[in-house]
Amino acid sequence: MTDLERSLNKVLEEHRHESGLHIIGGQQRLIDRLVQFFEDGLKWESRDKTSRDLDN
């Protein structure tokens, strides 16, 4: 488990306790999807920065 996954898991657990939400199963699936979303976003952000640097 990566640091991002651990952090998301902790935040999700805290949110569930504070708000009284009950997620029936799927917590790990949600975390996996969020991690994938952020990792994909970071890849695109890196590509955009590289192309902007090449344009200058």
N, C-alpha and C. Protein backbone atom coordinates (compact mmCIF):
# COMPACT_ATOMS: atom_id res chain seq x y z
N MET A 1 0.86 -1.18 0.00
CA MET A 1 0.00 0.00 0.00
C MET A 1 0.90 1.24 0.00
N THR A 2 0.59 2.16 -0.89
CA THR A 2 1.39 3.38 -1.01
C THR A 2 1.00 4.39 0.08
N ASP A 3 1.81 5.42 0.21
CA ASP A 3 1.50 6.49 1.17
C ASP A 3 0.17 7.15 0.82
N LEU A 4 -0.08 7.35 -0.46
CA LEU A 4 -1.33 7.96 -0.89
C LEU A 4 -2.52 7.08 -0.49
N GLU A 5 -2.40 5.79 -0.70
CA GLU A 5 -3.47 4.87 -0.31
C GLU A 5 -3.71 4.89 1.19
N ARG A 6 -2.63 4.88 1.96
CA ARG A 6 -2.76 4.92 3.42
C ARG A 6 -3.43 6.22 3.88
N SER A 7 -3.02 7.32 3.28
CA SER A 7 -3.60 8.62 3.65
C SER A 7 -5.08 8.67 3.30
N LEU A 8 -5.44 8.21 2.10
CA LEU A 8 -6.84 8.20 1.70
C LEU A 8 -7.67 7.29 2.61
N ASN A 9 -7.11 6.16 2.96
CA ASN A 9 -7.80 5.22 3.85
C ASN A 9 -8.07 5.86 5.21
N LYS A 10 -7.07 6.56 5.74
CA LYS A 10 -7.22 7.22 7.04
C LYS A 10 -8.29 8.32 6.98
N VAL A 11 -8.24 9.14 5.93
CA VAL A 11 -9.21 10.22 5.77
C VAL A 11 -10.61 9.64 5.63
N LEU A 12 -10.75 8.58 4.86
CA LEU A 12 -12.05 7.95 4.66
C LEU A 12 -12.59 7.39 5.98
N GLU A 13 -11.75 6.75 6.74
CA GLU A 13 -12.17 6.21 8.05
C GLU A 13 -12.62 7.34 8.98
N GLU A 14 -11.84 8.42 9.04
CA GLU A 14 -12.21 9.56 9.89
C GLU A 14 -13.55 10.15 9.44
N HIS A 15 -13.72 10.28 8.15
CA HIS A 15 -14.96 10.85 7.61
C HIS A 15 -16.16 9.95 7.95
N ARG A 16 -15.97 8.66 7.81
CA ARG A 16 -17.05 7.72 8.13
C ARG A 16 -17.45 7.84 9.59
N HIS A 17 -16.48 7.95 10.49
CA HIS A 17 -16.78 8.05 11.92
C HIS A 17 -17.46 9.38 12.25
N GLU A 18 -16.96 10.46 11.65
CA GLU A 18 -17.52 11.78 11.94
C GLU A 18 -18.93 11.95 11.39
N SER A 19 -19.17 11.41 10.22
CA SER A 19 -20.46 11.65 9.58
C SER A 19 -21.45 10.52 9.79
N GLY A 20 -20.99 9.42 10.36
CA GLY A 20 -21.88 8.30 10.59
C GLY A 20 -22.21 7.53 9.32
N LEU A 21 -21.43 7.72 8.27
CA LEU A 21 -21.69 7.01 7.02
C LEU A 21 -21.24 5.56 7.14
N HIS A 22 -21.96 4.73 6.46
CA HIS A 22 -21.60 3.32 6.43
C HIS A 22 -21.46 2.91 4.97
N ILE A 23 -20.25 2.60 4.59
CA ILE A 23 -20.01 2.13 3.24
C ILE A 23 -19.98 0.61 3.32
N ILE A 24 -20.93 0.00 2.67
CA ILE A 24 -21.01 -1.46 2.70
C ILE A 24 -20.06 -1.99 1.63
N GLY A 25 -18.96 -2.55 2.09
CA GLY A 25 -17.95 -3.03 1.15
C GLY A 25 -17.45 -1.90 0.28
N GLY A 26 -16.58 -2.20 -0.62
CA GLY A 26 -16.17 -1.23 -1.62
C GLY A 26 -15.22 -0.14 -1.15
N GLN A 27 -14.85 -0.12 0.13
CA GLN A 27 -13.94 0.95 0.59
C GLN A 27 -12.61 0.85 -0.14
N GLN A 28 -12.06 -0.34 -0.24
CA GLN A 28 -10.77 -0.50 -0.92
C GLN A 28 -10.91 -0.19 -2.41
N ARG A 29 -12.04 -0.56 -2.99
CA ARG A 29 -12.28 -0.27 -4.41
C ARG A 29 -12.32 1.24 -4.64
N LEU A 30 -12.97 1.97 -3.73
CA LEU A 30 -13.02 3.44 -3.83
C LEU A 30 -11.63 4.03 -3.71
N ILE A 31 -10.86 3.55 -2.74
CA ILE A 31 -9.49 4.05 -2.56
C ILE A 31 -8.66 3.76 -3.81
N ASP A 32 -8.79 2.57 -4.37
CA ASP A 32 -8.05 2.23 -5.60
C ASP A 32 -8.41 3.17 -6.73
N ARG A 33 -9.69 3.49 -6.87
CA ARG A 33 -10.12 4.39 -7.93
C ARG A 33 -9.60 5.81 -7.71
N LEU A 34 -9.62 6.27 -6.46
CA LEU A 34 -9.11 7.61 -6.16
C LEU A 34 -7.61 7.69 -6.42
N VAL A 35 -6.88 6.66 -6.01
CA VAL A 35 -5.44 6.64 -6.25
C VAL A 35 -5.16 6.68 -7.75
N GLN A 36 -5.89 5.88 -8.51
CA GLN A 36 -5.70 5.86 -9.96
C GLN A 36 -5.99 7.23 -10.56
N PHE A 37 -7.06 7.88 -10.09
CA PHE A 37 -7.42 9.20 -10.56
C PHE A 37 -6.29 10.20 -10.32
N PHE A 38 -5.75 10.21 -9.09
CA PHE A 38 -4.68 11.15 -8.76
C PHE A 38 -3.40 10.83 -9.52
N GLU A 39 -3.08 9.55 -9.64
CA GLU A 39 -1.86 9.19 -10.37
C GLU A 39 -1.98 9.57 -11.84
N ASP A 40 -3.14 9.34 -12.44
CA ASP A 40 -3.34 9.73 -13.83
C ASP A 40 -3.25 11.25 -13.97
N GLY A 41 -3.82 11.97 -13.03
CA GLY A 41 -3.76 13.43 -13.05
C GLY A 41 -2.34 13.94 -12.96
N LEU A 42 -1.54 13.30 -12.12
CA LEU A 42 -0.14 13.72 -11.99
C LEU A 42 0.63 13.45 -13.27
N LYS A 43 0.32 12.35 -13.95
CA LYS A 43 0.99 12.05 -15.22
C LYS A 43 0.65 13.11 -16.25
N TRP A 44 -0.64 13.48 -16.35
CA TRP A 44 -1.05 14.51 -17.31
C TRP A 44 -0.43 15.85 -16.96
N GLU A 45 -0.39 16.17 -15.67
CA GLU A 45 0.19 17.45 -15.24
C GLU A 45 1.66 17.51 -15.62
N SER A 46 2.36 16.40 -15.44
CA SER A 46 3.78 16.34 -15.78
C SER A 46 3.98 16.50 -17.29
N ARG A 47 3.12 15.86 -18.08
CA ARG A 47 3.22 15.97 -19.54
C ARG A 47 2.95 17.40 -19.99
N ASP A 48 1.94 18.04 -19.38
CA ASP A 48 1.62 19.42 -19.74
C ASP A 48 2.78 20.34 -19.43
N LYS A 49 3.42 20.16 -18.28
CA LYS A 49 4.55 21.00 -17.89
C LYS A 49 5.70 20.81 -18.86
N THR A 50 5.96 19.56 -19.24
CA THR A 50 7.04 19.27 -20.18
C THR A 50 6.78 19.93 -21.52
N SER A 51 5.54 19.84 -22.01
CA SER A 51 5.25 20.44 -23.32
C SER A 51 5.31 21.96 -23.25
N ARG A 52 4.91 22.56 -22.12
CA ARG A 52 5.02 24.02 -21.98
C ARG A 52 6.48 24.45 -21.95
N ASP A 53 7.32 23.66 -21.28
CA ASP A 53 8.75 23.97 -21.22
C ASP A 53 9.38 23.90 -22.62
N LEU A 54 8.93 22.93 -23.43
CA LEU A 54 9.46 22.81 -24.78
C LEU A 54 9.01 23.95 -25.67
N ASP A 55 7.80 24.47 -25.42
CA ASP A 55 7.27 25.57 -26.21
C ASP A 55 8.03 26.88 -25.97
N ASN A 56 8.63 27.02 -24.81
CA ASN A 56 9.32 28.27 -24.46
C ASN A 56 10.71 28.23 -24.93
